[in-house]
Amino acid sequence: MFYINLLNKTRLESDLESLGCLDIAEELIEKMMENVFYSDVAQRVIVQTLAVIDKVNARLQATFNILEDVDDERDERIVEFKGMSYYM
């Protein structure tokens, strides 16, 4: 088991807040953590969920990168939020 360090959580929350759906931040982070657990270092992880944006149901997609760690002995995965898109 390892610890997951999300580098730019505030940017993720800011992007969600600008779309009016900050309430799903923890759901996205939990889904990302599940995927990161089963993924290799230096992979991209895409997480999808449903959200209400501008009073319309939308499919929200967040992209994360698992960064390479120079210290392989640590039980930590470093993850970076890259961006978000949504489809109505």
N, C-alpha and C. Protein backbone atom coordinates (compact mmCIF):
# COMPACT_ATOMS: atom_id res chain seq x y z
N MET A 1 0.85 -1.18 0.00
CA MET A 1 0.00 0.00 0.00
C MET A 1 0.89 1.24 0.00
N PHE A 2 0.42 2.29 -0.62
CA PHE A 2 1.21 3.51 -0.67
C PHE A 2 0.33 4.73 -0.50
N TYR A 3 0.95 5.82 -0.19
CA TYR A 3 0.29 7.10 0.00
C TYR A 3 0.24 7.83 -1.33
N ILE A 4 -0.86 8.51 -1.62
CA ILE A 4 -0.99 9.28 -2.85
C ILE A 4 -0.95 10.76 -2.52
N ASN A 5 0.00 11.46 -3.13
CA ASN A 5 0.21 12.88 -2.91
C ASN A 5 -0.29 13.64 -4.14
N LEU A 6 -1.45 14.29 -4.04
CA LEU A 6 -2.01 15.09 -5.13
C LEU A 6 -1.42 16.49 -5.02
N LEU A 7 -0.57 16.85 -5.99
CA LEU A 7 0.19 18.09 -5.92
C LEU A 7 -0.66 19.35 -5.97
N ASN A 8 -1.61 19.41 -6.84
CA ASN A 8 -2.34 20.66 -7.05
C ASN A 8 -3.84 20.50 -6.83
N LYS A 9 -4.20 20.04 -5.65
CA LYS A 9 -5.61 19.85 -5.29
C LYS A 9 -6.37 21.17 -5.35
N THR A 10 -5.73 22.28 -5.00
CA THR A 10 -6.42 23.57 -5.02
C THR A 10 -6.82 23.96 -6.45
N ARG A 11 -6.02 23.61 -7.44
CA ARG A 11 -6.39 23.90 -8.83
C ARG A 11 -7.59 23.06 -9.25
N LEU A 12 -7.62 21.79 -8.86
CA LEU A 12 -8.76 20.94 -9.13
C LEU A 12 -10.02 21.54 -8.52
N GLU A 13 -9.94 21.93 -7.26
CA GLU A 13 -11.09 22.51 -6.58
C GLU A 13 -11.50 23.83 -7.22
N SER A 14 -10.55 24.63 -7.64
CA SER A 14 -10.85 25.90 -8.29
C SER A 14 -11.56 25.68 -9.62
N ASP A 15 -11.10 24.71 -10.40
CA ASP A 15 -11.74 24.40 -11.68
C ASP A 15 -13.16 23.90 -11.46
N LEU A 16 -13.36 23.06 -10.45
CA LEU A 16 -14.70 22.56 -10.16
C LEU A 16 -15.61 23.68 -9.67
N GLU A 17 -15.07 24.54 -8.85
CA GLU A 17 -15.85 25.67 -8.34
C GLU A 17 -16.29 26.60 -9.48
N SER A 18 -15.42 26.81 -10.45
CA SER A 18 -15.77 27.67 -11.58
C SER A 18 -16.90 27.07 -12.42
N LEU A 19 -17.05 25.75 -12.37
CA LEU A 19 -18.13 25.07 -13.08
C LEU A 19 -19.39 24.94 -12.22
N GLY A 20 -19.26 25.31 -10.95
CA GLY A 20 -20.40 25.22 -10.04
C GLY A 20 -20.63 23.84 -9.47
N CYS A 21 -19.59 23.01 -9.44
CA CYS A 21 -19.77 21.65 -8.92
C CYS A 21 -18.62 21.24 -8.00
N LEU A 22 -18.24 22.13 -7.11
CA LEU A 22 -17.17 21.85 -6.15
C LEU A 22 -17.52 20.65 -5.26
N ASP A 23 -18.81 20.39 -5.09
CA ASP A 23 -19.25 19.31 -4.21
C ASP A 23 -18.81 17.92 -4.67
N ILE A 24 -18.37 17.77 -5.90
CA ILE A 24 -17.93 16.44 -6.36
C ILE A 24 -16.41 16.26 -6.29
N ALA A 25 -15.71 17.20 -5.70
CA ALA A 25 -14.24 17.13 -5.63
C ALA A 25 -13.78 15.85 -4.94
N GLU A 26 -14.34 15.53 -3.80
CA GLU A 26 -13.91 14.34 -3.07
C GLU A 26 -14.22 13.06 -3.85
N GLU A 27 -15.35 13.03 -4.55
CA GLU A 27 -15.69 11.87 -5.37
C GLU A 27 -14.64 11.66 -6.47
N LEU A 28 -14.24 12.75 -7.15
CA LEU A 28 -13.22 12.64 -8.20
C LEU A 28 -11.88 12.18 -7.61
N ILE A 29 -11.51 12.72 -6.47
CA ILE A 29 -10.24 12.36 -5.85
C ILE A 29 -10.25 10.88 -5.44
N GLU A 30 -11.36 10.41 -4.89
CA GLU A 30 -11.45 8.99 -4.51
C GLU A 30 -11.34 8.08 -5.73
N LYS A 31 -12.01 8.45 -6.82
CA LYS A 31 -11.93 7.65 -8.05
C LYS A 31 -10.51 7.67 -8.61
N MET A 32 -9.87 8.83 -8.55
CA MET A 32 -8.48 8.93 -9.03
C MET A 32 -7.58 8.02 -8.19
N MET A 33 -7.76 8.04 -6.87
CA MET A 33 -6.92 7.22 -6.00
C MET A 33 -7.09 5.74 -6.30
N GLU A 34 -8.31 5.30 -6.57
CA GLU A 34 -8.55 3.90 -6.91
C GLU A 34 -7.81 3.52 -8.19
N ASN A 35 -7.85 4.40 -9.19
CA ASN A 35 -7.18 4.13 -10.46
C ASN A 35 -5.66 4.18 -10.32
N VAL A 36 -5.16 5.11 -9.55
CA VAL A 36 -3.71 5.24 -9.36
C VAL A 36 -3.14 4.01 -8.67
N PHE A 37 -3.90 3.44 -7.77
CA PHE A 37 -3.46 2.25 -7.05
C PHE A 37 -3.11 1.12 -8.02
N TYR A 38 -3.87 0.99 -9.12
CA TYR A 38 -3.67 -0.09 -10.07
C TYR A 38 -2.87 0.32 -11.30
N SER A 39 -2.38 1.55 -11.35
CA SER A 39 -1.66 2.06 -12.52
C SER A 39 -0.17 2.14 -12.25
N ASP A 40 0.59 2.19 -13.33
CA ASP A 40 2.04 2.31 -13.22
C ASP A 40 2.44 3.79 -13.18
N VAL A 41 3.65 4.01 -12.71
CA VAL A 41 4.21 5.35 -12.71
C VAL A 41 4.33 5.86 -14.14
N ALA A 42 4.19 7.14 -14.32
CA ALA A 42 4.29 7.82 -15.62
C ALA A 42 3.11 7.51 -16.54
N GLN A 43 1.99 7.15 -15.96
CA GLN A 43 0.78 6.94 -16.74
C GLN A 43 -0.20 8.07 -16.51
N ARG A 44 -1.09 8.23 -17.45
CA ARG A 44 -2.18 9.21 -17.33
C ARG A 44 -3.42 8.46 -16.86
N VAL A 45 -4.13 9.06 -15.91
CA VAL A 45 -5.36 8.48 -15.38
C VAL A 45 -6.49 9.44 -15.69
N ILE A 46 -7.56 8.92 -16.28
CA ILE A 46 -8.73 9.73 -16.60
C ILE A 46 -9.89 9.23 -15.76
N VAL A 47 -10.52 10.15 -15.06
CA VAL A 47 -11.64 9.82 -14.18
C VAL A 47 -12.88 10.55 -14.69
N GLN A 48 -13.98 9.83 -14.78
CA GLN A 48 -15.23 10.42 -15.24
C GLN A 48 -16.30 10.31 -14.18
N THR A 49 -17.19 11.30 -14.16
CA THR A 49 -18.34 11.27 -13.28
C THR A 49 -19.42 12.14 -13.90
N LEU A 50 -20.62 12.03 -13.37
CA LEU A 50 -21.72 12.88 -13.82
C LEU A 50 -21.82 14.07 -12.89
N ALA A 51 -22.15 15.23 -13.47
CA ALA A 51 -22.28 16.46 -12.68
C ALA A 51 -23.37 17.32 -13.30
N VAL A 52 -23.88 18.23 -12.52
CA VAL A 52 -24.82 19.22 -13.03
C VAL A 52 -24.06 20.52 -13.23
N ILE A 53 -23.98 20.96 -14.49
CA ILE A 53 -23.26 22.18 -14.85
C ILE A 53 -24.25 23.09 -15.56
N ASP A 54 -24.42 24.29 -15.03
CA ASP A 54 -25.39 25.25 -15.59
C ASP A 54 -26.78 24.62 -15.71
N LYS A 55 -27.17 23.88 -14.67
CA LYS A 55 -28.49 23.24 -14.56
C LYS A 55 -28.72 22.16 -15.62
N VAL A 56 -27.64 21.65 -16.19
CA VAL A 56 -27.73 20.60 -17.21
C VAL A 56 -26.84 19.43 -16.77
N ASN A 57 -27.33 18.21 -16.94
CA ASN A 57 -26.51 17.04 -16.64
C ASN A 57 -25.36 16.96 -17.63
N ALA A 58 -24.17 16.70 -17.11
CA ALA A 58 -22.99 16.64 -17.97
C ALA A 58 -22.08 15.51 -17.50
N ARG A 59 -21.27 15.01 -18.42
CA ARG A 59 -20.23 14.03 -18.08
C ARG A 59 -18.94 14.82 -17.90
N LEU A 60 -18.39 14.76 -16.72
CA LEU A 60 -17.18 15.49 -16.38
C LEU A 60 -16.00 14.53 -16.41
N GLN A 61 -14.90 14.96 -17.02
CA GLN A 61 -13.71 14.12 -17.14
C GLN A 61 -12.51 14.89 -16.61
N ALA A 62 -11.83 14.32 -15.62
CA ALA A 62 -10.62 14.92 -15.05
C ALA A 62 -9.42 14.04 -15.41
N THR A 63 -8.32 14.70 -15.78
CA THR A 63 -7.10 13.99 -16.17
C THR A 63 -6.01 14.23 -15.13
N PHE A 64 -5.34 13.15 -14.75
CA PHE A 64 -4.25 13.19 -13.78
C PHE A 64 -3.04 12.47 -14.37
N ASN A 65 -1.86 12.92 -14.03
CA ASN A 65 -0.63 12.22 -14.41
C ASN A 65 0.03 11.67 -13.16
N ILE A 66 0.49 10.43 -13.24
CA ILE A 66 1.28 9.84 -12.16
C ILE A 66 2.73 10.14 -12.50
N LEU A 67 3.37 10.93 -11.66
CA LEU A 67 4.73 11.37 -11.93
C LEU A 67 5.74 10.34 -11.46
N GLU A 68 6.87 10.31 -12.14
CA GLU A 68 7.94 9.41 -11.72
C GLU A 68 8.57 9.93 -10.45
N ASP A 69 8.86 9.03 -9.55
CA ASP A 69 9.48 9.39 -8.28
C ASP A 69 10.94 8.95 -8.30
N VAL A 70 11.84 9.87 -7.98
CA VAL A 70 13.26 9.53 -7.99
C VAL A 70 13.64 8.60 -6.85
N ASP A 71 12.86 8.59 -5.79
CA ASP A 71 13.14 7.74 -4.64
C ASP A 71 12.15 6.57 -4.65
N ASP A 72 12.57 5.44 -5.20
CA ASP A 72 11.69 4.28 -5.34
C ASP A 72 11.38 3.59 -4.01
N GLU A 73 12.10 3.92 -2.95
CA GLU A 73 11.90 3.25 -1.67
C GLU A 73 10.73 3.83 -0.88
N ARG A 74 10.23 4.98 -1.27
CA ARG A 74 9.12 5.59 -0.56
C ARG A 74 7.81 4.96 -1.02
N ASP A 75 6.90 4.79 -0.11
CA ASP A 75 5.59 4.24 -0.43
C ASP A 75 4.63 5.37 -0.76
N GLU A 76 4.98 6.10 -1.83
CA GLU A 76 4.20 7.28 -2.20
C GLU A 76 4.09 7.37 -3.71
N ARG A 77 2.93 7.75 -4.19
CA ARG A 77 2.72 8.07 -5.59
C ARG A 77 2.44 9.56 -5.67
N ILE A 78 3.14 10.23 -6.54
CA ILE A 78 2.94 11.66 -6.73
C ILE A 78 2.08 11.84 -7.97
N VAL A 79 0.94 12.51 -7.80
CA VAL A 79 -0.04 12.67 -8.86
C VAL A 79 -0.27 14.15 -9.09
N GLU A 80 -0.41 14.52 -10.37
CA GLU A 80 -0.64 15.91 -10.73
C GLU A 80 -1.95 16.02 -11.51
N PHE A 81 -2.82 16.93 -11.08
CA PHE A 81 -4.05 17.21 -11.83
C PHE A 81 -3.66 18.00 -13.07
N LYS A 82 -4.07 17.52 -14.25
CA LYS A 82 -3.69 18.17 -15.51
C LYS A 82 -4.80 19.02 -16.10
N GLY A 83 -6.03 18.60 -15.98
CA GLY A 83 -7.09 19.38 -16.58
C GLY A 83 -8.43 18.67 -16.52
N MET A 84 -9.43 19.39 -17.02
CA MET A 84 -10.79 18.89 -16.93
C MET A 84 -11.55 19.29 -18.19
N SER A 85 -12.47 18.43 -18.57
CA SER A 85 -13.37 18.75 -19.67
C SER A 85 -14.74 18.19 -19.32
N TYR A 86 -15.74 18.69 -19.99
CA TYR A 86 -17.08 18.17 -19.75
C TYR A 86 -17.87 18.16 -21.05
N TYR A 87 -18.85 17.25 -21.08
CA TYR A 87 -19.68 17.06 -22.26
C TYR A 87 -21.13 17.09 -21.84
N MET A 88 -21.91 17.91 -22.47
CA MET A 88 -23.34 18.04 -22.15
C MET A 88 -24.13 17.00 -22.91
